[in-house]
């Protein structure tokens, strides 16, 4: 399961983790949200995160971990979750 959209982008890291955990508890093999600036801010200076220049290089790689704009999914469900 991949979650995306403005509501997801507006969520805290804790909310995102909760959402993904609930999806797995409902039977998903895994759930993900593409990393963004909220993610990078959360990870910066964490004990096991890369530090300094290594962190900046990691962020460049992590930014590529989102679905392509023209990705095709088996199923798409849209919810109005304002």
PDB file of N, CA and C in Angstrom:
ATOM      1  N   UNK A   1       0.853  -1.170   0.000  1.00  0.00           N
ATOM      2  CA  UNK A   1       0.000   0.000   0.000  1.00  0.00           C
ATOM      3  C   UNK A   1       0.897   1.231   0.000  1.00  0.00           C
ATOM      4  N   UNK A   2       0.585   2.165  -0.872  1.00  0.00           N
ATOM      5  CA  UNK A   2       1.278   3.448  -0.865  1.00  0.00           C
ATOM      6  C   UNK A   2       0.251   4.539  -0.583  1.00  0.00           C
ATOM      7  N   UNK A   3       0.539   5.356   0.412  1.00  0.00           N
ATOM      8  CA  UNK A   3      -0.320   6.479   0.740  1.00  0.00           C
ATOM      9  C   UNK A   3       0.278   7.745   0.159  1.00  0.00           C
ATOM     10  N   UNK A   4      -0.575   8.607  -0.404  1.00  0.00           N
ATOM     11  CA  UNK A   4      -0.089   9.856  -0.990  1.00  0.00           C
ATOM     12  C   UNK A   4      -1.213  10.885  -0.959  1.00  0.00           C
ATOM     13  N   UNK A   5      -0.853  12.124  -1.187  1.00  0.00           N
ATOM     14  CA  UNK A   5      -1.832  13.198  -1.253  1.00  0.00           C
ATOM     15  C   UNK A   5      -1.586  14.241  -0.186  1.00  0.00           C
ATOM     16  N   UNK A   6      -2.327  15.325  -0.283  1.00  0.00           N
ATOM     17  CA  UNK A   6      -2.126  16.465   0.604  1.00  0.00           C
ATOM     18  C   UNK A   6      -2.341  16.125   2.073  1.00  0.00           C
ATOM     19  N   UNK A   7      -3.350  15.337   2.365  1.00  0.00           N
ATOM     20  CA  UNK A   7      -3.608  14.964   3.759  1.00  0.00           C
ATOM     21  C   UNK A   7      -2.418  14.214   4.341  1.00  0.00           C
ATOM     22  N   UNK A   8      -1.846  13.309   3.571  1.00  0.00           N
ATOM     23  CA  UNK A   8      -0.675  12.550   4.018  1.00  0.00           C
ATOM     24  C   UNK A   8       0.508  13.490   4.194  1.00  0.00           C
ATOM     25  N   UNK A   9       0.725  14.370   3.241  1.00  0.00           N
ATOM     26  CA  UNK A   9       1.843  15.319   3.323  1.00  0.00           C
ATOM     27  C   UNK A   9       1.727  16.213   4.554  1.00  0.00           C
ATOM     28  N   UNK A  10       0.511  16.512   4.979  1.00  0.00           N
ATOM     29  CA  UNK A  10       0.287  17.377   6.138  1.00  0.00           C
ATOM     30  C   UNK A  10       0.438  16.640   7.469  1.00  0.00           C
ATOM     31  N   UNK A  11       0.511  15.323   7.443  1.00  0.00           N
ATOM     32  CA  UNK A  11       0.593  14.530   8.677  1.00  0.00           C
ATOM     33  C   UNK A  11       1.992  14.609   9.294  1.00  0.00           C
ATOM     34  N   UNK A  12       2.022  14.455  10.604  1.00  0.00           N
ATOM     35  CA  UNK A  12       3.296  14.330  11.317  1.00  0.00           C
ATOM     36  C   UNK A  12       3.909  12.964  11.007  1.00  0.00           C
ATOM     37  N   UNK A  13       5.162  12.802  11.357  1.00  0.00           N
ATOM     38  CA  UNK A  13       5.804  11.494  11.193  1.00  0.00           C
ATOM     39  C   UNK A  13       5.066  10.449  12.030  1.00  0.00           C
ATOM     40  N   UNK A  14       4.693  10.816  13.241  1.00  0.00           N
ATOM     41  CA  UNK A  14       3.988   9.865  14.101  1.00  0.00           C
ATOM     42  C   UNK A  14       2.662   9.428  13.481  1.00  0.00           C
ATOM     43  N   UNK A  15       1.946  10.352  12.867  1.00  0.00           N
ATOM     44  CA  UNK A  15       0.698  10.018  12.185  1.00  0.00           C
ATOM     45  C   UNK A  15       0.938   9.117  10.991  1.00  0.00           C
ATOM     46  N   UNK A  16       1.976   9.391  10.253  1.00  0.00           N
ATOM     47  CA  UNK A  16       2.314   8.565   9.090  1.00  0.00           C
ATOM     48  C   UNK A  16       2.679   7.150   9.520  1.00  0.00           C
ATOM     49  N   UNK A  17       3.473   7.040  10.582  1.00  0.00           N
ATOM     50  CA  UNK A  17       3.852   5.717  11.086  1.00  0.00           C
ATOM     51  C   UNK A  17       2.623   4.947  11.561  1.00  0.00           C
ATOM     52  N   UNK A  18       1.723   5.639  12.229  1.00  0.00           N
ATOM     53  CA  UNK A  18       0.494   5.002  12.702  1.00  0.00           C
ATOM     54  C   UNK A  18      -0.337   4.512  11.524  1.00  0.00           C
ATOM     55  N   UNK A  19      -0.496   5.338  10.502  1.00  0.00           N
ATOM     56  CA  UNK A  19      -1.277   4.962   9.324  1.00  0.00           C
ATOM     57  C   UNK A  19      -0.693   3.721   8.651  1.00  0.00           C
ATOM     58  N   UNK A  20       0.612   3.714   8.445  1.00  0.00           N
ATOM     59  CA  UNK A  20       1.256   2.564   7.803  1.00  0.00           C
ATOM     60  C   UNK A  20       1.131   1.313   8.673  1.00  0.00           C
ATOM     61  N   UNK A  21       1.270   1.462   9.987  1.00  0.00           N
ATOM     62  CA  UNK A  21       1.122   0.324  10.889  1.00  0.00           C
ATOM     63  C   UNK A  21      -0.301  -0.234  10.829  1.00  0.00           C
ATOM     64  N   UNK A  22      -1.288   0.640  10.804  1.00  0.00           N
ATOM     65  CA  UNK A  22      -2.678   0.181  10.721  1.00  0.00           C
ATOM     66  C   UNK A  22      -2.934  -0.583   9.423  1.00  0.00           C
ATOM     67  N   UNK A  23      -2.328  -0.126   8.325  1.00  0.00           N
ATOM     68  CA  UNK A  23      -2.499  -0.824   7.051  1.00  0.00           C
ATOM     69  C   UNK A  23      -1.941  -2.241   7.141  1.00  0.00           C
ATOM     70  N   UNK A  24      -0.786  -2.383   7.762  1.00  0.00           N
ATOM     71  CA  UNK A  24      -0.191  -3.713   7.920  1.00  0.00           C
ATOM     72  C   UNK A  24      -1.063  -4.573   8.837  1.00  0.00           C
ATOM     73  N   UNK A  25      -1.577  -3.983   9.901  1.00  0.00           N
ATOM     74  CA  UNK A  25      -2.454  -4.744  10.795  1.00  0.00           C
ATOM     75  C   UNK A  25      -3.734  -5.180  10.098  1.00  0.00           C
ATOM     76  N   UNK A  26      -4.141  -4.463   9.059  1.00  0.00           N
ATOM     77  CA  UNK A  26      -5.327  -4.846   8.284  1.00  0.00           C
ATOM     78  C   UNK A  26      -5.016  -5.857   7.190  1.00  0.00           C
ATOM     79  N   UNK A  27      -3.732  -6.237   7.042  1.00  0.00           N
ATOM     80  CA  UNK A  27      -3.386  -7.284   6.096  1.00  0.00           C
ATOM     81  C   UNK A  27      -2.456  -6.894   4.970  1.00  0.00           C
ATOM     82  N   UNK A  28      -2.080  -5.637   4.874  1.00  0.00           N
ATOM     83  CA  UNK A  28      -1.124  -5.246   3.832  1.00  0.00           C
ATOM     84  C   UNK A  28       0.233  -5.893   4.122  1.00  0.00           C
ATOM     85  N   UNK A  29       0.959  -6.266   3.087  1.00  0.00           N
ATOM     86  CA  UNK A  29       2.313  -6.812   3.273  1.00  0.00           C
ATOM     87  C   UNK A  29       3.237  -5.717   3.798  1.00  0.00           C
ATOM     88  N   UNK A  30       3.077  -4.527   3.265  1.00  0.00           N
ATOM     89  CA  UNK A  30       3.810  -3.356   3.745  1.00  0.00           C
ATOM     90  C   UNK A  30       3.051  -2.114   3.322  1.00  0.00           C
ATOM     91  N   UNK A  31       3.395  -1.014   3.930  1.00  0.00           N
ATOM     92  CA  UNK A  31       2.780   0.267   3.577  1.00  0.00           C
ATOM     93  C   UNK A  31       3.883   1.308   3.540  1.00  0.00           C
ATOM     94  N   UNK A  32       3.750   2.259   2.641  1.00  0.00           N
ATOM     95  CA  UNK A  32       4.793   3.275   2.517  1.00  0.00           C
ATOM     96  C   UNK A  32       4.212   4.628   2.184  1.00  0.00           C
ATOM     97  N   UNK A  33       4.993   5.630   2.519  1.00  0.00           N
ATOM     98  CA  UNK A  33       4.734   7.017   2.159  1.00  0.00           C
ATOM     99  C   UNK A  33       6.059   7.541   1.639  1.00  0.00           C
ATOM    100  N   UNK A  34       6.054   8.141   0.476  1.00  0.00           N
ATOM    101  CA  UNK A  34       7.301   8.643  -0.101  1.00  0.00           C
ATOM    102  C   UNK A  34       7.959   9.631   0.851  1.00  0.00           C
ATOM    103  N   UNK A  35       9.265   9.507   1.047  1.00  0.00           N
ATOM    104  CA  UNK A  35       9.951  10.447   1.937  1.00  0.00           C
ATOM    105  C   UNK A  35       9.917  11.865   1.369  1.00  0.00           C
ATOM    106  N   UNK A  36       9.778  12.834   2.273  1.00  0.00           N
ATOM    107  CA  UNK A  36       9.729  14.240   1.875  1.00  0.00           C
ATOM    108  C   UNK A  36      10.461  15.068   2.928  1.00  0.00           C
ATOM    109  N   UNK A  37      10.336  16.391   2.844  1.00  0.00           N
ATOM    110  CA  UNK A  37      11.054  17.256   3.776  1.00  0.00           C
ATOM    111  C   UNK A  37      10.674  16.982   5.232  1.00  0.00           C
ATOM    112  N   UNK A  38       9.426  16.609   5.493  1.00  0.00           N
ATOM    113  CA  UNK A  38       9.019  16.255   6.851  1.00  0.00           C
ATOM    114  C   UNK A  38       9.827  15.054   7.342  1.00  0.00           C
ATOM    115  N   UNK A  39      10.005  14.076   6.474  1.00  0.00           N
ATOM    116  CA  UNK A  39      10.787  12.887   6.803  1.00  0.00           C
ATOM    117  C   UNK A  39      12.239  13.251   7.077  1.00  0.00           C
ATOM    118  N   UNK A  40      12.809  14.069   6.198  1.00  0.00           N
ATOM    119  CA  UNK A  40      14.226  14.409   6.331  1.00  0.00           C
ATOM    120  C   UNK A  40      14.488  15.230   7.590  1.00  0.00           C
ATOM    121  N   UNK A  41      13.568  16.121   7.924  1.00  0.00           N
ATOM    122  CA  UNK A  41      13.705  16.910   9.149  1.00  0.00           C
ATOM    123  C   UNK A  41      13.667  15.984  10.360  1.00  0.00           C
ATOM    124  N   UNK A  42      12.766  15.012  10.326  1.00  0.00           N
ATOM    125  CA  UNK A  42      12.658  14.057  11.425  1.00  0.00           C
ATOM    126  C   UNK A  42      13.945  13.249  11.578  1.00  0.00           C
ATOM    127  N   UNK A  43      14.530  12.833  10.475  1.00  0.00           N
ATOM    128  CA  UNK A  43      15.719  11.972  10.520  1.00  0.00           C
ATOM    129  C   UNK A  43      17.011  12.719  10.832  1.00  0.00           C
ATOM    130  N   UNK A  44      17.080  13.988  10.481  1.00  0.00           N
ATOM    131  CA  UNK A  44      18.323  14.754  10.670  1.00  0.00           C
ATOM    132  C   UNK A  44      18.757  14.687  12.135  1.00  0.00           C
ATOM    133  N   UNK A  45      20.023  14.374  12.327  1.00  0.00           N
ATOM    134  CA  UNK A  45      20.667  14.319  13.653  1.00  0.00           C
ATOM    135  C   UNK A  45      20.170  13.188  14.537  1.00  0.00           C
ATOM    136  N   UNK A  46      19.435  12.233  13.997  1.00  0.00           N
ATOM    137  CA  UNK A  46      19.068  11.047  14.777  1.00  0.00           C
ATOM    138  C   UNK A  46      20.322  10.192  14.961  1.00  0.00           C
ATOM    139  N   UNK A  47      20.433   9.457  16.061  1.00  0.00           N
ATOM    140  CA  UNK A  47      21.647   8.703  16.355  1.00  0.00           C
ATOM    141  C   UNK A  47      22.106   7.748  15.257  1.00  0.00           C
ATOM    142  N   UNK A  48      21.189   7.070  14.582  1.00  0.00           N
ATOM    143  CA  UNK A  48      21.593   6.091  13.577  1.00  0.00           C
ATOM    144  C   UNK A  48      21.442   6.590  12.143  1.00  0.00           C
ATOM    145  N   UNK A  49      21.133   7.856  11.972  1.00  0.00           N
ATOM    146  CA  UNK A  49      21.037   8.451  10.634  1.00  0.00           C
ATOM    147  C   UNK A  49      22.426   8.888  10.182  1.00  0.00           C
ATOM    148  N   UNK A  50      22.659   8.914   8.885  1.00  0.00           N
ATOM    149  CA  UNK A  50      23.929   9.461   8.392  1.00  0.00           C
ATOM    150  C   UNK A  50      24.094  10.902   8.881  1.00  0.00           C
ATOM    151  N   UNK A  51      25.315  11.342   9.020  1.00  0.00           N
ATOM    152  CA  UNK A  51      25.589  12.691   9.522  1.00  0.00           C
ATOM    153  C   UNK A  51      26.323  13.517   8.467  1.00  0.00           C
ATOM    154  N   UNK A  52      26.161  14.828   8.539  1.00  0.00           N
ATOM    155  CA  UNK A  52      26.898  15.755   7.682  1.00  0.00           C
ATOM    156  C   UNK A  52      26.639  15.530   6.208  1.00  0.00           C
ATOM    157  N   UNK A  53      27.726  15.476   5.445  1.00  0.00           N
ATOM    158  CA  UNK A  53      27.643  15.311   3.993  1.00  0.00           C
ATOM    159  C   UNK A  53      26.978  13.983   3.626  1.00  0.00           C
ATOM    160  N   UNK A  54      27.206  12.962   4.428  1.00  0.00           N
ATOM    161  CA  UNK A  54      26.563  11.668   4.156  1.00  0.00           C
ATOM    162  C   UNK A  54      25.043  11.775   4.243  1.00  0.00           C
ATOM    163  N   UNK A  55      24.550  12.604   5.152  1.00  0.00           N
ATOM    164  CA  UNK A  55      23.101  12.800   5.259  1.00  0.00           C
ATOM    165  C   UNK A  55      22.574  13.482   4.008  1.00  0.00           C
ATOM    166  N   UNK A  56      23.263  14.513   3.543  1.00  0.00           N
ATOM    167  CA  UNK A  56      22.825  15.234   2.339  1.00  0.00           C
ATOM    168  C   UNK A  56      22.821  14.309   1.134  1.00  0.00           C
ATOM    169  N   UNK A  57      23.812  13.450   1.016  1.00  0.00           N
ATOM    170  CA  UNK A  57      23.842  12.490  -0.094  1.00  0.00           C
ATOM    171  C   UNK A  57      22.717  11.469   0.039  1.00  0.00           C
ATOM    172  N   UNK A  58      22.439  11.054   1.260  1.00  0.00           N
ATOM    173  CA  UNK A  58      21.346  10.109   1.488  1.00  0.00           C
ATOM    174  C   UNK A  58      20.007  10.737   1.099  1.00  0.00           C
ATOM    175  N   UNK A  59      19.807  12.005   1.448  1.00  0.00           N
ATOM    176  CA  UNK A  59      18.562  12.696   1.098  1.00  0.00           C
ATOM    177  C   UNK A  59      18.369  12.698  -0.423  1.00  0.00           C
ATOM    178  N   UNK A  60      19.439  12.931  -1.165  1.00  0.00           N
ATOM    179  CA  UNK A  60      19.341  12.893  -2.629  1.00  0.00           C
ATOM    180  C   UNK A  60      18.824  11.530  -3.100  1.00  0.00           C
ATOM    181  N   UNK A  61      19.341  10.460  -2.508  1.00  0.00           N
ATOM    182  CA  UNK A  61      18.886   9.116  -2.873  1.00  0.00           C
ATOM    183  C   UNK A  61      17.453   8.883  -2.421  1.00  0.00           C
ATOM    184  N   UNK A  62      17.132   9.311  -1.209  1.00  0.00           N
ATOM    185  CA  UNK A  62      15.794   9.085  -0.660  1.00  0.00           C
ATOM    186  C   UNK A  62      14.720   9.813  -1.459  1.00  0.00           C
ATOM    187  N   UNK A  63      15.052  10.956  -2.033  1.00  0.00           N
ATOM    188  CA  UNK A  63      14.067  11.701  -2.830  1.00  0.00           C
ATOM    189  C   UNK A  63      13.595  10.894  -4.048  1.00  0.00           C
ATOM    190  N   UNK A  64      14.394   9.933  -4.475  1.00  0.00           N
ATOM    191  CA  UNK A  64      14.033   9.099  -5.629  1.00  0.00           C
ATOM    192  C   UNK A  64      13.090   7.959  -5.244  1.00  0.00           C
ATOM    193  N   UNK A  65      12.775   7.817  -3.953  1.00  0.00           N
ATOM    194  CA  UNK A  65      11.957   6.694  -3.488  1.00  0.00           C
ATOM    195  C   UNK A  65      10.464   7.002  -3.514  1.00  0.00           C
ATOM    196  N   UNK A  66      10.014   7.559  -4.593  1.00  0.00           N
ATOM    197  CA  UNK A  66       8.583   7.794  -4.762  1.00  0.00           C
ATOM    198  C   UNK A  66       8.158   7.193  -6.098  1.00  0.00           C
ATOM    199  N   UNK A  67       6.887   6.953  -6.217  1.00  0.00           N
ATOM    200  CA  UNK A  67       6.378   6.369  -7.464  1.00  0.00           C
ATOM    201  C   UNK A  67       6.544   7.344  -8.617  1.00  0.00           C
ATOM    202  N   UNK A  68       6.757   6.795  -9.794  1.00  0.00           N
ATOM    203  CA  UNK A  68       6.825   7.623 -10.989  1.00  0.00           C
ATOM    204  C   UNK A  68       5.468   8.270 -11.241  1.00  0.00           C
ATOM    205  N   UNK A  69       5.488   9.439 -11.833  1.00  0.00           N
ATOM    206  CA  UNK A  69       4.237  10.151 -12.119  1.00  0.00           C
ATOM    207  C   UNK A  69       3.304   9.330 -13.003  1.00  0.00           C
ATOM    208  N   UNK A  70       3.869   8.482 -13.860  1.00  0.00           N
ATOM    209  CA  UNK A  70       3.050   7.672 -14.766  1.00  0.00           C
ATOM    210  C   UNK A  70       2.942   6.216 -14.306  1.00  0.00           C
ATOM    211  N   UNK A  71       3.197   5.952 -13.021  1.00  0.00           N
ATOM    212  CA  UNK A  71       3.117   4.589 -12.490  1.00  0.00           C
ATOM    213  C   UNK A  71       1.701   4.029 -12.643  1.00  0.00           C
ATOM    214  N   UNK A  72       1.625   2.735 -12.888  1.00  0.00           N
ATOM    215  CA  UNK A  72       0.344   2.041 -13.005  1.00  0.00           C
ATOM    216  C   UNK A  72       0.235   1.093 -11.809  1.00  0.00           C
ATOM    217  N   UNK A  73      -0.883   1.172 -11.112  1.00  0.00           N
ATOM    218  CA  UNK A  73      -1.102   0.349  -9.927  1.00  0.00           C
ATOM    219  C   UNK A  73      -2.181  -0.691 -10.204  1.00  0.00           C
ATOM    220  N   UNK A  74      -2.146  -1.791  -9.458  1.00  0.00           N
ATOM    221  CA  UNK A  74      -3.183  -2.816  -9.587  1.00  0.00           C
ATOM    222  C   UNK A  74      -4.543  -2.246  -9.223  1.00  0.00           C
ATOM    223  N   UNK A  75      -4.568  -1.361  -8.228  1.00  0.00           N
ATOM    224  CA  UNK A  75      -5.810  -0.803  -7.751  1.00  0.00           C
ATOM    225  C   UNK A  75      -5.507   0.571  -7.137  1.00  0.00           C
ATOM    226  N   UNK A  76      -6.365   1.527  -7.386  1.00  0.00           N
ATOM    227  CA  UNK A  76      -6.244   2.853  -6.758  1.00  0.00           C
ATOM    228  C   UNK A  76      -7.542   3.162  -6.035  1.00  0.00           C
ATOM    229  N   UNK A  77      -7.412   3.644  -4.820  1.00  0.00           N
ATOM    230  CA  UNK A  77      -8.559   4.045  -4.024  1.00  0.00           C
ATOM    231  C   UNK A  77      -8.307   5.469  -3.587  1.00  0.00           C
ATOM    232  N   UNK A  78      -9.269   6.335  -3.864  1.00  0.00           N
ATOM    233  CA  UNK A  78      -9.150   7.733  -3.446  1.00  0.00           C
ATOM    234  C   UNK A  78     -10.167   8.019  -2.377  1.00  0.00           C
ATOM    235  N   UNK A  79      -9.722   8.660  -1.319  1.00  0.00           N
ATOM    236  CA  UNK A  79     -10.600   9.035  -0.201  1.00  0.00           C
ATOM    237  C   UNK A  79     -10.483  10.525   0.033  1.00  0.00           C
ATOM    238  N   UNK A  80     -11.591  11.152   0.316  1.00  0.00           N
ATOM    239  CA  UNK A  80     -11.592  12.564   0.672  1.00  0.00           C
ATOM    240  C   UNK A  80     -11.346  12.637   2.187  1.00  0.00           C
ATOM    241  N   UNK A  81     -10.093  12.799   2.559  1.00  0.00           N
ATOM    242  CA  UNK A  81      -9.713  12.751   3.975  1.00  0.00           C
ATOM    243  C   UNK A  81      -9.169  14.099   4.433  1.00  0.00           C
ATOM    244  N   UNK A  82     -10.036  15.070   4.448  1.00  0.00           N
ATOM    245  CA  UNK A  82      -9.607  16.415   4.841  1.00  0.00           C
ATOM    246  C   UNK A  82      -9.597  16.568   6.329  1.00  0.00           C
TER     247      UNK A  82
END
